[in-house]
Amino acid sequence: MDNYLLLTAIILDLIIGGPNFYPHPVVIIGRGINLLENLLRRICGSKFERIAGLILSVIIISSTFVVVDKLLEGAYYFNYYLGMIAELWILATTLAVKGLARAGNSIYQPLVVGDLEAARKKLDGIVGRDTEGLSVENIIRGTIETIAENTSDGIIAPLFYAALGGAPAAMAYKAVNTLDSMLGYKNEEYQHFGWAAAKIDDLANWIPARITGFLFAIAAWFTGHNWKNGFKMMSRDAAKHPSPNAGFPEAAVAGVLGLRLGGVNYYHGEKSFRAYLGQAEVDFNPEQIKEVLELMYWNVALFISGFYCVKLLIAQL
């Protein structure tokens, strides 16, 4: 990978985000998942759902990597600069820096003017929980939890895999993420069929989630927040989260901002309690959405700085 390609991809994402004037690769991956799911369910039947789900996951992830790799190989062969542009575009589509910031700000803006209904509707677009009737505090909590978790899933994880294997690896990670979001439900329909997708996603996010939590705590030092408490809460509470990964960025943010995340949520009218992360040292207020977005930007900056420092160190060896 070109030395400045990863940084340029981030800048491109910050400028244009995810425009609608081209078909997003994740949409194409999603269509492939739907087609294969229907085919494999017919072939394998209900007795072999786990095997069918595993086969689907392997085909989607491997084919995504191979297709992107071959497309870039052809582009670079035809013209070096065409290859760079193609890889830059693919890398940018795997990132969600601007999209996550836009989502956070779209909730912050109605909150500060007291339009709770608009804030609930915006939150509903980025979370799986029920948002109808949520209080100001729970709107803010849901927003912060989502930004913290998606800093890992939507930014640091694709950057991590891009650093290891370029655009093909980053897009293969997005395939993993898409498989989990479409199949990784713990309900009757997907409990067995989506088992492999959920487990692969857990494995793929294991390192990036911990890097994200660590960087959130480090970012707190630069932003004047309680970085020591970020490490403390991450160490104490991360494992309480039902996800083996999401607890690390969420607990770190909870500690850094002096908040208590987690608690009662509703999903399709069903009450669900998630273990508390952090301690309630301050009350929730809309400005904390801005603060967690600032921490997100610092997280990205620290990751990129670390990446280029490691590359420079390796080059000197």
C-alpha atoms as a PDB file:
ATOM      1  CA  MET A   1       0.000   0.000   0.000  1.00  0.00           C
ATOM      2  CA  ASP A   2       1.175   3.512  -0.833  1.00  0.00           C
ATOM      3  CA  ASN A   3       2.463   5.326   2.254  1.00  0.00           C
ATOM      4  CA  TYR A   4      -0.208   8.026   2.143  1.00  0.00           C
ATOM      5  CA  LEU A   5      -3.161   6.029   0.812  1.00  0.00           C
ATOM      6  CA  LEU A   6      -4.711   5.273   4.205  1.00  0.00           C
ATOM      7  CA  LEU A   7      -4.503   8.889   5.355  1.00  0.00           C
ATOM      8  CA  THR A   8      -5.881  10.106   2.027  1.00  0.00           C
ATOM      9  CA  ALA A   9      -8.813   7.672   2.301  1.00  0.00           C
ATOM     10  CA  ILE A  10      -9.717   9.154   5.687  1.00  0.00           C
ATOM     11  CA  ILE A  11      -9.531  12.684   4.293  1.00  0.00           C
ATOM     12  CA  LEU A  12     -11.733  11.636   1.354  1.00  0.00           C
ATOM     13  CA  ASP A  13     -14.284  10.113   3.724  1.00  0.00           C
ATOM     14  CA  LEU A  14     -14.275  13.295   5.827  1.00  0.00           C
ATOM     15  CA  ILE A  15     -14.955  15.364   2.705  1.00  0.00           C
ATOM     16  CA  ILE A  16     -17.605  13.329   0.901  1.00  0.00           C
ATOM     17  CA  GLY A  17     -18.775  10.730   3.427  1.00  0.00           C
ATOM     18  CA  GLY A  18     -21.063   8.199   1.770  1.00  0.00           C
ATOM     19  CA  PRO A  19     -22.652   9.930  -1.235  1.00  0.00           C
ATOM     20  CA  ASN A  20     -25.603   8.338  -3.018  1.00  0.00           C
ATOM     21  CA  PHE A  21     -24.404   8.910  -6.554  1.00  0.00           C
ATOM     22  CA  TYR A  22     -22.731   5.484  -6.800  1.00  0.00           C
ATOM     23  CA  PRO A  23     -23.717   1.968  -5.642  1.00  0.00           C
ATOM     24  CA  HIS A  24     -22.047   1.366  -2.290  1.00  0.00           C
ATOM     25  CA  PRO A  25     -20.059  -1.906  -2.180  1.00  0.00           C
ATOM     26  CA  VAL A  26     -21.824  -2.922   1.045  1.00  0.00           C
ATOM     27  CA  VAL A  27     -25.162  -2.814  -0.816  1.00  0.00           C
ATOM     28  CA  ILE A  28     -23.728  -5.206  -3.414  1.00  0.00           C
ATOM     29  CA  ILE A  29     -22.442  -7.493  -0.638  1.00  0.00           C
ATOM     30  CA  GLY A  30     -25.870  -7.404   1.002  1.00  0.00           C
ATOM     31  CA  ARG A  31     -27.574  -8.466  -2.223  1.00  0.00           C
ATOM     32  CA  GLY A  32     -25.133 -11.352  -2.546  1.00  0.00           C
ATOM     33  CA  ILE A  33     -25.932 -12.445   1.001  1.00  0.00           C
ATOM     34  CA  ASN A  34     -29.677 -12.409   0.272  1.00  0.00           C
ATOM     35  CA  LEU A  35     -29.267 -14.467  -2.898  1.00  0.00           C
ATOM     36  CA  LEU A  36     -27.027 -17.059  -1.252  1.00  0.00           C
ATOM     37  CA  GLU A  37     -29.203 -17.283   1.840  1.00  0.00           C
ATOM     38  CA  ASN A  38     -32.271 -18.148  -0.228  1.00  0.00           C
ATOM     39  CA  LEU A  39     -30.316 -20.684  -2.281  1.00  0.00           C
ATOM     40  CA  LEU A  40     -28.605 -22.393   0.675  1.00  0.00           C
ATOM     41  CA  ARG A  41     -31.782 -22.574   2.745  1.00  0.00           C
ATOM     42  CA  ARG A  42     -33.454 -24.456  -0.118  1.00  0.00           C
ATOM     43  CA  ILE A  43     -30.473 -26.776  -0.621  1.00  0.00           C
ATOM     44  CA  CYS A  44     -29.586 -27.514   3.013  1.00  0.00           C
ATOM     45  CA  GLY A  45     -32.987 -27.331   4.679  1.00  0.00           C
ATOM     46  CA  SER A  46     -33.594 -26.707   8.370  1.00  0.00           C
ATOM     47  CA  LYS A  47     -31.425 -29.589   9.631  1.00  0.00           C
ATOM     48  CA  PHE A  48     -28.163 -28.110   8.384  1.00  0.00           C
ATOM     49  CA  GLU A  49     -28.679 -24.393   9.030  1.00  0.00           C
ATOM     50  CA  ARG A  50     -25.345 -23.906  10.822  1.00  0.00           C
ATOM     51  CA  ILE A  51     -23.441 -25.555   7.977  1.00  0.00           C
ATOM     52  CA  ALA A  52     -25.353 -23.494   5.419  1.00  0.00           C
ATOM     53  CA  GLY A  53     -24.633 -20.286   7.343  1.00  0.00           C
ATOM     54  CA  LEU A  54     -20.935 -21.169   7.568  1.00  0.00           C
ATOM     55  CA  ILE A  55     -20.738 -21.907   3.844  1.00  0.00           C
ATOM     56  CA  LEU A  56     -22.452 -18.601   3.062  1.00  0.00           C
ATOM     57  CA  SER A  57     -20.078 -16.659   5.322  1.00  0.00           C
ATOM     58  CA  VAL A  58     -16.964 -18.260   3.834  1.00  0.00           C
ATOM     59  CA  ILE A  59     -18.136 -17.661   0.257  1.00  0.00           C
ATOM     60  CA  ILE A  60     -19.072 -14.010   0.853  1.00  0.00           C
ATOM     61  CA  ILE A  61     -15.896 -13.089   2.768  1.00  0.00           C
ATOM     62  CA  SER A  62     -13.467 -14.917   0.474  1.00  0.00           C
ATOM     63  CA  SER A  63     -15.162 -13.785  -2.741  1.00  0.00           C
ATOM     64  CA  THR A  64     -15.199 -10.173  -1.535  1.00  0.00           C
ATOM     65  CA  PHE A  65     -11.456 -10.300  -0.890  1.00  0.00           C
ATOM     66  CA  VAL A  66     -10.665 -12.014  -4.198  1.00  0.00           C
ATOM     67  CA  VAL A  67     -12.896  -9.774  -6.342  1.00  0.00           C
ATOM     68  CA  VAL A  68     -11.462  -6.567  -4.854  1.00  0.00           C
ATOM     69  CA  ASP A  69      -7.917  -7.909  -5.095  1.00  0.00           C
ATOM     70  CA  LYS A  70      -8.322  -8.861  -8.765  1.00  0.00           C
ATOM     71  CA  LEU A  71     -10.043  -5.594  -9.661  1.00  0.00           C
ATOM     72  CA  LEU A  72      -7.181  -3.622  -8.136  1.00  0.00           C
ATOM     73  CA  GLU A  73      -4.586  -5.877  -9.737  1.00  0.00           C
ATOM     74  CA  GLY A  74      -6.144  -5.137 -13.112  1.00  0.00           C
ATOM     75  CA  ALA A  75      -6.387  -1.415 -12.422  1.00  0.00           C
ATOM     76  CA  TYR A  76      -2.742  -1.186 -11.321  1.00  0.00           C
ATOM     77  CA  TYR A  77      -1.643  -3.231 -14.341  1.00  0.00           C
ATOM     78  CA  PHE A  78      -3.479  -0.898 -16.700  1.00  0.00           C
ATOM     79  CA  ASN A  79      -2.225   2.290 -15.024  1.00  0.00           C
ATOM     80  CA  TYR A  80      -0.560   2.852 -11.659  1.00  0.00           C
ATOM     81  CA  TYR A  81      -2.520   6.008 -10.905  1.00  0.00           C
ATOM     82  CA  LEU A  82      -5.803   4.376 -11.904  1.00  0.00           C
ATOM     83  CA  GLY A  83      -4.992   1.615  -9.412  1.00  0.00           C
ATOM     84  CA  MET A  84      -4.297   4.158  -6.685  1.00  0.00           C
ATOM     85  CA  ILE A  85      -7.564   5.988  -7.352  1.00  0.00           C
ATOM     86  CA  ALA A  86      -9.521   2.716  -7.325  1.00  0.00           C
ATOM     87  CA  GLU A  87      -7.910   1.563  -4.072  1.00  0.00           C
ATOM     88  CA  LEU A  88      -8.454   4.974  -2.498  1.00  0.00           C
ATOM     89  CA  TRP A  89     -12.146   4.920  -3.420  1.00  0.00           C
ATOM     90  CA  ILE A  90     -12.617   1.376  -2.079  1.00  0.00           C
ATOM     91  CA  LEU A  91     -10.841   2.222   1.178  1.00  0.00           C
ATOM     92  CA  ALA A  92     -12.951   5.360   1.644  1.00  0.00           C
ATOM     93  CA  THR A  93     -16.177   3.352   1.248  1.00  0.00           C
ATOM     94  CA  THR A  94     -15.168   1.119   4.174  1.00  0.00           C
ATOM     95  CA  LEU A  95     -14.903   4.091   6.571  1.00  0.00           C
ATOM     96  CA  ALA A  96     -17.675   5.901   8.429  1.00  0.00           C
ATOM     97  CA  VAL A  97     -15.985   8.895  10.057  1.00  0.00           C
ATOM     98  CA  LYS A  98     -18.168  11.535   8.447  1.00  0.00           C
ATOM     99  CA  GLY A  99     -21.263   9.344   8.568  1.00  0.00           C
ATOM    100  CA  LEU A 100     -20.894   8.744  12.296  1.00  0.00           C
ATOM    101  CA  ALA A 101     -20.256  12.432  12.971  1.00  0.00           C
ATOM    102  CA  ARG A 102     -23.267  13.369  10.853  1.00  0.00           C
ATOM    103  CA  ALA A 103     -25.459  10.900  12.757  1.00  0.00           C
ATOM    104  CA  GLY A 104     -24.318  12.239  16.135  1.00  0.00           C
ATOM    105  CA  ASN A 105     -24.848  15.863  15.127  1.00  0.00           C
ATOM    106  CA  SER A 106     -28.285  15.083  13.684  1.00  0.00           C
ATOM    107  CA  ILE A 107     -29.344  13.998  17.187  1.00  0.00           C
ATOM    108  CA  TYR A 108     -27.488  16.760  19.016  1.00  0.00           C
ATOM    109  CA  GLN A 109     -29.113  19.585  17.025  1.00  0.00           C
ATOM    110  CA  PRO A 110     -32.776  18.815  17.894  1.00  0.00           C
ATOM    111  CA  LEU A 111     -31.823  18.015  21.497  1.00  0.00           C
ATOM    112  CA  VAL A 112     -30.374  21.467  22.150  1.00  0.00           C
ATOM    113  CA  VAL A 113     -33.601  23.097  20.965  1.00  0.00           C
ATOM    114  CA  GLY A 114     -35.799  20.675  22.890  1.00  0.00           C
ATOM    115  CA  ASP A 115     -37.234  18.787  19.905  1.00  0.00           C
ATOM    116  CA  LEU A 116     -37.247  15.315  21.473  1.00  0.00           C
ATOM    117  CA  GLU A 117     -39.423  13.737  18.796  1.00  0.00           C
ATOM    118  CA  ALA A 118     -36.965  14.686  16.054  1.00  0.00           C
ATOM    119  CA  ALA A 119     -34.038  13.450  18.172  1.00  0.00           C
ATOM    120  CA  ARG A 120     -35.813  10.119  18.768  1.00  0.00           C
ATOM    121  CA  LYS A 121     -36.422   9.677  15.038  1.00  0.00           C
ATOM    122  CA  LYS A 122     -32.767  10.372  14.221  1.00  0.00           C
ATOM    123  CA  LEU A 123     -31.616   7.944  16.919  1.00  0.00           C
ATOM    124  CA  ASP A 124     -34.007   5.318  15.563  1.00  0.00           C
ATOM    125  CA  GLY A 125     -32.034   5.372  12.314  1.00  0.00           C
ATOM    126  CA  ILE A 126     -28.793   4.226  13.938  1.00  0.00           C
ATOM    127  CA  VAL A 127     -29.857   1.877  16.781  1.00  0.00           C
ATOM    128  CA  GLY A 128     -31.791  -1.358  17.032  1.00  0.00           C
ATOM    129  CA  ARG A 129     -33.603  -0.474  20.264  1.00  0.00           C
ATOM    130  CA  ASP A 130     -37.039   1.110  20.474  1.00  0.00           C
ATOM    131  CA  THR A 131     -36.763   4.902  20.636  1.00  0.00           C
ATOM    132  CA  GLU A 132     -40.389   5.922  21.037  1.00  0.00           C
ATOM    133  CA  GLY A 133     -40.909   7.835  24.276  1.00  0.00           C
ATOM    134  CA  LEU A 134     -37.227   7.884  25.254  1.00  0.00           C
ATOM    135  CA  SER A 135     -36.187  10.551  27.749  1.00  0.00           C
ATOM    136  CA  VAL A 136     -33.455  13.090  27.004  1.00  0.00           C
ATOM    137  CA  GLU A 137     -31.040  11.074  29.129  1.00  0.00           C
ATOM    138  CA  ASN A 138     -31.752   7.827  27.292  1.00  0.00           C
ATOM    139  CA  ILE A 139     -31.477   9.511  23.892  1.00  0.00           C
ATOM    140  CA  ILE A 140     -28.038  10.813  24.855  1.00  0.00           C
ATOM    141  CA  ARG A 141     -27.022   7.463  26.336  1.00  0.00           C
ATOM    142  CA  GLY A 142     -28.085   5.605  23.190  1.00  0.00           C
ATOM    143  CA  THR A 143     -26.204   8.069  21.002  1.00  0.00           C
ATOM    144  CA  ILE A 144     -22.998   7.834  23.024  1.00  0.00           C
ATOM    145  CA  GLU A 145     -23.117   4.029  23.160  1.00  0.00           C
ATOM    146  CA  THR A 146     -23.634   3.836  19.403  1.00  0.00           C
ATOM    147  CA  ILE A 147     -20.831   6.279  18.577  1.00  0.00           C
ATOM    148  CA  ALA A 148     -18.448   4.454  20.907  1.00  0.00           C
ATOM    149  CA  GLU A 149     -19.216   1.016  19.454  1.00  0.00           C
ATOM    150  CA  ASN A 150     -19.262   2.178  15.839  1.00  0.00           C
ATOM    151  CA  THR A 151     -15.937   3.962  16.209  1.00  0.00           C
ATOM    152  CA  SER A 152     -14.586   0.422  16.447  1.00  0.00           C
ATOM    153  CA  ASP A 153     -16.810  -1.314  13.882  1.00  0.00           C
ATOM    154  CA  GLY A 154     -17.073   1.511  11.370  1.00  0.00           C
ATOM    155  CA  ILE A 155     -13.660   3.157  11.553  1.00  0.00           C
ATOM    156  CA  ILE A 156     -10.845   1.503  13.505  1.00  0.00           C
ATOM    157  CA  ALA A 157     -11.574  -2.077  12.409  1.00  0.00           C
ATOM    158  CA  PRO A 158     -11.530  -1.317   8.652  1.00  0.00           C
ATOM    159  CA  LEU A 159      -8.410   0.839   9.168  1.00  0.00           C
ATOM    160  CA  PHE A 160      -6.790  -2.031  11.072  1.00  0.00           C
ATOM    161  CA  TYR A 161      -7.465  -4.530   8.286  1.00  0.00           C
ATOM    162  CA  ALA A 162      -6.478  -2.012   5.613  1.00  0.00           C
ATOM    163  CA  ALA A 163      -3.156  -1.577   7.422  1.00  0.00           C
ATOM    164  CA  LEU A 164      -2.656  -5.357   7.324  1.00  0.00           C
ATOM    165  CA  GLY A 165      -3.870  -6.151   3.828  1.00  0.00           C
ATOM    166  CA  GLY A 166      -4.930  -3.043   1.953  1.00  0.00           C
ATOM    167  CA  ALA A 167      -8.342  -2.433   0.409  1.00  0.00           C
ATOM    168  CA  PRO A 168      -9.148  -6.156  -0.170  1.00  0.00           C
ATOM    169  CA  ALA A 169      -8.745  -6.902   3.544  1.00  0.00           C
ATOM    170  CA  ALA A 170     -10.712  -3.805   4.567  1.00  0.00           C
ATOM    171  CA  MET A 171     -13.596  -4.718   2.257  1.00  0.00           C
ATOM    172  CA  ALA A 172     -13.498  -8.345   3.425  1.00  0.00           C
ATOM    173  CA  TYR A 173     -13.947  -6.989   6.958  1.00  0.00           C
ATOM    174  CA  LYS A 174     -16.972  -4.988   5.761  1.00  0.00           C
ATOM    175  CA  ALA A 175     -18.348  -8.257   4.395  1.00  0.00           C
ATOM    176  CA  VAL A 176     -17.922  -9.798   7.857  1.00  0.00           C
ATOM    177  CA  ASN A 177     -19.674  -6.819   9.415  1.00  0.00           C
ATOM    178  CA  THR A 178     -22.512  -6.950   6.877  1.00  0.00           C
ATOM    179  CA  LEU A 179     -23.011 -10.675   7.416  1.00  0.00           C
ATOM    180  CA  ASP A 180     -23.376 -10.113  11.146  1.00  0.00           C
ATOM    181  CA  SER A 181     -25.784  -7.200  10.724  1.00  0.00           C
ATOM    182  CA  MET A 182     -27.989  -9.244   8.367  1.00  0.00           C
ATOM    183  CA  LEU A 183     -27.752 -12.721   9.874  1.00  0.00           C
ATOM    184  CA  GLY A 184     -26.383 -12.419  13.406  1.00  0.00           C
ATOM    185  CA  TYR A 185     -29.727 -12.306  15.225  1.00  0.00           C
ATOM    186  CA  LYS A 186     -30.547 -14.459  18.234  1.00  0.00           C
ATOM    187  CA  ASN A 187     -34.069 -15.262  17.092  1.00  0.00           C
ATOM    188  CA  GLU A 188     -35.736 -18.398  15.756  1.00  0.00           C
ATOM    189  CA  GLU A 189     -35.012 -17.597  12.117  1.00  0.00           C
ATOM    190  CA  TYR A 190     -31.279 -16.889  12.505  1.00  0.00           C
ATOM    191  CA  GLN A 191     -30.242 -18.555  15.764  1.00  0.00           C
ATOM    192  CA  HIS A 192     -28.533 -21.370  13.836  1.00  0.00           C
ATOM    193  CA  PHE A 193     -28.205 -19.958  10.321  1.00  0.00           C
ATOM    194  CA  GLY A 194     -26.512 -16.773  11.576  1.00  0.00           C
ATOM    195  CA  TRP A 195     -24.315 -18.491  14.168  1.00  0.00           C
ATOM    196  CA  ALA A 196     -21.186 -18.548  11.975  1.00  0.00           C
ATOM    197  CA  ALA A 197     -21.626 -14.932  10.876  1.00  0.00           C
ATOM    198  CA  ALA A 198     -21.883 -13.769  14.499  1.00  0.00           C
ATOM    199  CA  LYS A 199     -18.854 -15.774  15.634  1.00  0.00           C
ATOM    200  CA  ILE A 200     -16.681 -14.614  12.733  1.00  0.00           C
ATOM    201  CA  ASP A 201     -17.668 -11.013  13.471  1.00  0.00           C
ATOM    202  CA  ASP A 202     -16.717 -11.474  17.144  1.00  0.00           C
ATOM    203  CA  LEU A 203     -13.331 -12.840  16.104  1.00  0.00           C
ATOM    204  CA  ALA A 204     -12.699 -10.124  13.495  1.00  0.00           C
ATOM    205  CA  ASN A 205     -13.476  -7.345  15.987  1.00  0.00           C
ATOM    206  CA  TRP A 206     -11.539  -8.767  18.934  1.00  0.00           C
ATOM    207  CA  ILE A 207      -8.326  -6.775  18.372  1.00  0.00           C
ATOM    208  CA  PRO A 208      -9.859  -3.591  16.853  1.00  0.00           C
ATOM    209  CA  ALA A 209     -12.335  -3.205  19.747  1.00  0.00           C
ATOM    210  CA  ARG A 210      -9.551  -3.331  22.304  1.00  0.00           C
ATOM    211  CA  ILE A 211      -7.420  -0.917  20.296  1.00  0.00           C
ATOM    212  CA  THR A 212     -10.411   1.452  20.119  1.00  0.00           C
ATOM    213  CA  GLY A 213     -11.002   1.310  23.860  1.00  0.00           C
ATOM    214  CA  PHE A 214      -7.316   1.927  24.539  1.00  0.00           C
ATOM    215  CA  LEU A 215      -7.242   4.883  22.121  1.00  0.00           C
ATOM    216  CA  PHE A 216     -10.387   6.397  23.661  1.00  0.00           C
ATOM    217  CA  ALA A 217      -8.587   6.464  27.006  1.00  0.00           C
ATOM    218  CA  ILE A 218      -5.448   7.945  25.429  1.00  0.00           C
ATOM    219  CA  ALA A 219      -7.555  10.508  23.533  1.00  0.00           C
ATOM    220  CA  ALA A 220      -8.965  11.687  26.871  1.00  0.00           C
ATOM    221  CA  TRP A 221      -5.517  12.957  27.825  1.00  0.00           C
ATOM    222  CA  PHE A 222      -5.502  15.244  24.772  1.00  0.00           C
ATOM    223  CA  THR A 223      -9.053  16.491  25.340  1.00  0.00           C
ATOM    224  CA  GLY A 224      -8.742  17.159  29.080  1.00  0.00           C
ATOM    225  CA  HIS A 225     -10.985  14.298  30.182  1.00  0.00           C
ATOM    226  CA  ASN A 226     -10.300  11.633  32.800  1.00  0.00           C
ATOM    227  CA  TRP A 227      -8.014   9.249  30.921  1.00  0.00           C
ATOM    228  CA  LYS A 228      -7.151   7.244  34.032  1.00  0.00           C
ATOM    229  CA  ASN A 229     -10.819   6.536  34.670  1.00  0.00           C
ATOM    230  CA  GLY A 230     -11.177   5.435  31.059  1.00  0.00           C
ATOM    231  CA  PHE A 231      -8.625   2.680  31.609  1.00  0.00           C
ATOM    232  CA  LYS A 232     -10.122   1.844  34.997  1.00  0.00           C
ATOM    233  CA  MET A 233     -13.689   1.426  33.751  1.00  0.00           C
ATOM    234  CA  MET A 234     -12.558  -0.490  30.672  1.00  0.00           C
ATOM    235  CA  SER A 235     -10.644  -2.911  32.879  1.00  0.00           C
ATOM    236  CA  ARG A 236     -13.472  -3.203  35.390  1.00  0.00           C
ATOM    237  CA  ASP A 237     -16.608  -3.234  33.247  1.00  0.00           C
ATOM    238  CA  ALA A 238     -15.858  -4.186  29.617  1.00  0.00           C
ATOM    239  CA  ALA A 239     -16.451  -7.893  30.216  1.00  0.00           C
ATOM    240  CA  LYS A 240     -19.952  -7.181  31.582  1.00  0.00           C
ATOM    241  CA  HIS A 241     -21.213  -6.285  28.111  1.00  0.00           C
ATOM    242  CA  PRO A 242     -23.045  -9.140  26.331  1.00  0.00           C
ATOM    243  CA  SER A 243     -20.765  -8.593  23.332  1.00  0.00           C
ATOM    244  CA  PRO A 244     -17.171  -9.808  23.762  1.00  0.00           C
ATOM    245  CA  ASN A 245     -15.992  -6.626  22.029  1.00  0.00           C
ATOM    246  CA  ALA A 246     -18.410  -3.683  22.327  1.00  0.00           C
ATOM    247  CA  GLY A 247     -17.803  -3.328  26.059  1.00  0.00           C
ATOM    248  CA  PHE A 248     -14.249  -2.062  25.543  1.00  0.00           C
ATOM    249  CA  PRO A 249     -14.973   1.171  23.635  1.00  0.00           C
ATOM    250  CA  GLU A 250     -18.213   1.753  25.566  1.00  0.00           C
ATOM    251  CA  ALA A 251     -16.665   1.245  29.013  1.00  0.00           C
ATOM    252  CA  ALA A 252     -13.688   3.429  28.075  1.00  0.00           C
ATOM    253  CA  VAL A 253     -15.998   6.264  26.970  1.00  0.00           C
ATOM    254  CA  ALA A 254     -18.125   5.837  30.101  1.00  0.00           C
ATOM    255  CA  GLY A 255     -15.037   6.231  32.266  1.00  0.00           C
ATOM    256  CA  VAL A 256     -13.591   9.119  30.298  1.00  0.00           C
ATOM    257  CA  LEU A 257     -16.818  11.143  30.435  1.00  0.00           C
ATOM    258  CA  GLY A 258     -17.794  10.102  33.975  1.00  0.00           C
ATOM    259  CA  LEU A 259     -21.056   8.505  32.816  1.00  0.00           C
ATOM    260  CA  ARG A 260     -22.903   5.292  33.533  1.00  0.00           C
ATOM    261  CA  LEU A 261     -23.878   3.591  30.283  1.00  0.00           C
ATOM    262  CA  GLY A 262     -26.017   0.496  29.880  1.00  0.00           C
ATOM    263  CA  GLY A 263     -29.297  -0.171  31.659  1.00  0.00           C
ATOM    264  CA  VAL A 264     -32.801  -0.882  30.383  1.00  0.00           C
ATOM    265  CA  ASN A 265     -33.592  -0.884  26.651  1.00  0.00           C
ATOM    266  CA  TYR A 266     -36.630  -2.115  24.751  1.00  0.00           C
ATOM    267  CA  TYR A 267     -36.471  -4.158  21.552  1.00  0.00           C
ATOM    268  CA  HIS A 268     -39.778  -4.578  19.704  1.00  0.00           C
ATOM    269  CA  GLY A 269     -41.550  -3.897  22.979  1.00  0.00           C
ATOM    270  CA  GLU A 270     -39.522  -6.473  24.929  1.00  0.00           C
ATOM    271  CA  LYS A 271     -37.635  -5.199  27.979  1.00  0.00           C
ATOM    272  CA  SER A 272     -33.911  -5.937  28.058  1.00  0.00           C
ATOM    273  CA  PHE A 273     -31.386  -5.029  30.729  1.00  0.00           C
ATOM    274  CA  ARG A 274     -27.746  -4.492  29.819  1.00  0.00           C
ATOM    275  CA  ALA A 275     -25.143  -4.380  32.594  1.00  0.00           C
ATOM    276  CA  TYR A 276     -24.012  -0.932  33.663  1.00  0.00           C
ATOM    277  CA  LEU A 277     -20.669   0.352  32.423  1.00  0.00           C
ATOM    278  CA  GLY A 278     -18.919   3.140  34.337  1.00  0.00           C
ATOM    279  CA  GLN A 279     -20.061   5.294  37.247  1.00  0.00           C
ATOM    280  CA  ALA A 280     -22.513   8.203  37.157  1.00  0.00           C
ATOM    281  CA  GLU A 281     -20.270  11.087  38.189  1.00  0.00           C
ATOM    282  CA  VAL A 282     -22.140  13.656  36.073  1.00  0.00           C
ATOM    283  CA  ASP A 283     -25.638  13.892  34.591  1.00  0.00           C
ATOM    284  CA  PHE A 284     -26.294  13.339  30.909  1.00  0.00           C
ATOM    285  CA  ASN A 285     -26.384  16.458  28.753  1.00  0.00           C
ATOM    286  CA  PRO A 286     -26.375  16.996  24.969  1.00  0.00           C
ATOM    287  CA  GLU A 287     -22.839  18.449  24.962  1.00  0.00           C
ATOM    288  CA  GLN A 288     -21.525  14.970  25.757  1.00  0.00           C
ATOM    289  CA  ILE A 289     -22.466  13.948  22.207  1.00  0.00           C
ATOM    290  CA  LYS A 290     -20.039  16.589  20.942  1.00  0.00           C
ATOM    291  CA  GLU A 291     -17.441  15.365  23.422  1.00  0.00           C
ATOM    292  CA  VAL A 292     -17.647  11.727  22.294  1.00  0.00           C
ATOM    293  CA  LEU A 293     -17.390  12.860  18.653  1.00  0.00           C
ATOM    294  CA  GLU A 294     -14.242  14.788  19.534  1.00  0.00           C
ATOM    295  CA  LEU A 295     -12.879  11.632  21.165  1.00  0.00           C
ATOM    296  CA  MET A 296     -13.768   9.701  17.998  1.00  0.00           C
ATOM    297  CA  TYR A 297     -11.710  12.102  15.857  1.00  0.00           C
ATOM    298  CA  TRP A 298      -8.785  11.801  18.252  1.00  0.00           C
ATOM    299  CA  ASN A 299      -9.132   8.014  18.142  1.00  0.00           C
ATOM    300  CA  VAL A 300      -8.713   8.074  14.365  1.00  0.00           C
ATOM    301  CA  ALA A 301      -5.784  10.522  14.543  1.00  0.00           C
ATOM    302  CA  LEU A 302      -4.003   8.400  17.138  1.00  0.00           C
ATOM    303  CA  PHE A 303      -4.490   5.210  15.153  1.00  0.00           C
ATOM    304  CA  ILE A 304      -3.120   6.757  11.968  1.00  0.00           C
ATOM    305  CA  SER A 305      -0.194   8.309  13.853  1.00  0.00           C
ATOM    306  CA  GLY A 306       0.608   4.942  15.403  1.00  0.00           C
ATOM    307  CA  PHE A 307       0.353   3.209  12.035  1.00  0.00           C
ATOM    308  CA  TYR A 308       2.842   5.558  10.364  1.00  0.00           C
ATOM    309  CA  CYS A 309       5.188   5.438  13.362  1.00  0.00           C
ATOM    310  CA  VAL A 310       5.262   1.634  13.147  1.00  0.00           C
ATOM    311  CA  LYS A 311       5.886   1.783   9.381  1.00  0.00           C
ATOM    312  CA  LEU A 312       8.731   4.243   9.904  1.00  0.00           C
ATOM    313  CA  LEU A 313      10.227   2.050  12.638  1.00  0.00           C
ATOM    314  CA  ILE A 314      10.044  -1.043  10.467  1.00  0.00           C
ATOM    315  CA  ALA A 315      11.634   0.827   7.569  1.00  0.00           C
ATOM    316  CA  GLN A 316      14.576   1.729   9.811  1.00  0.00           C
ATOM    317  CA  LEU A 317      15.234  -1.867  10.859  1.00  0.00           C
END
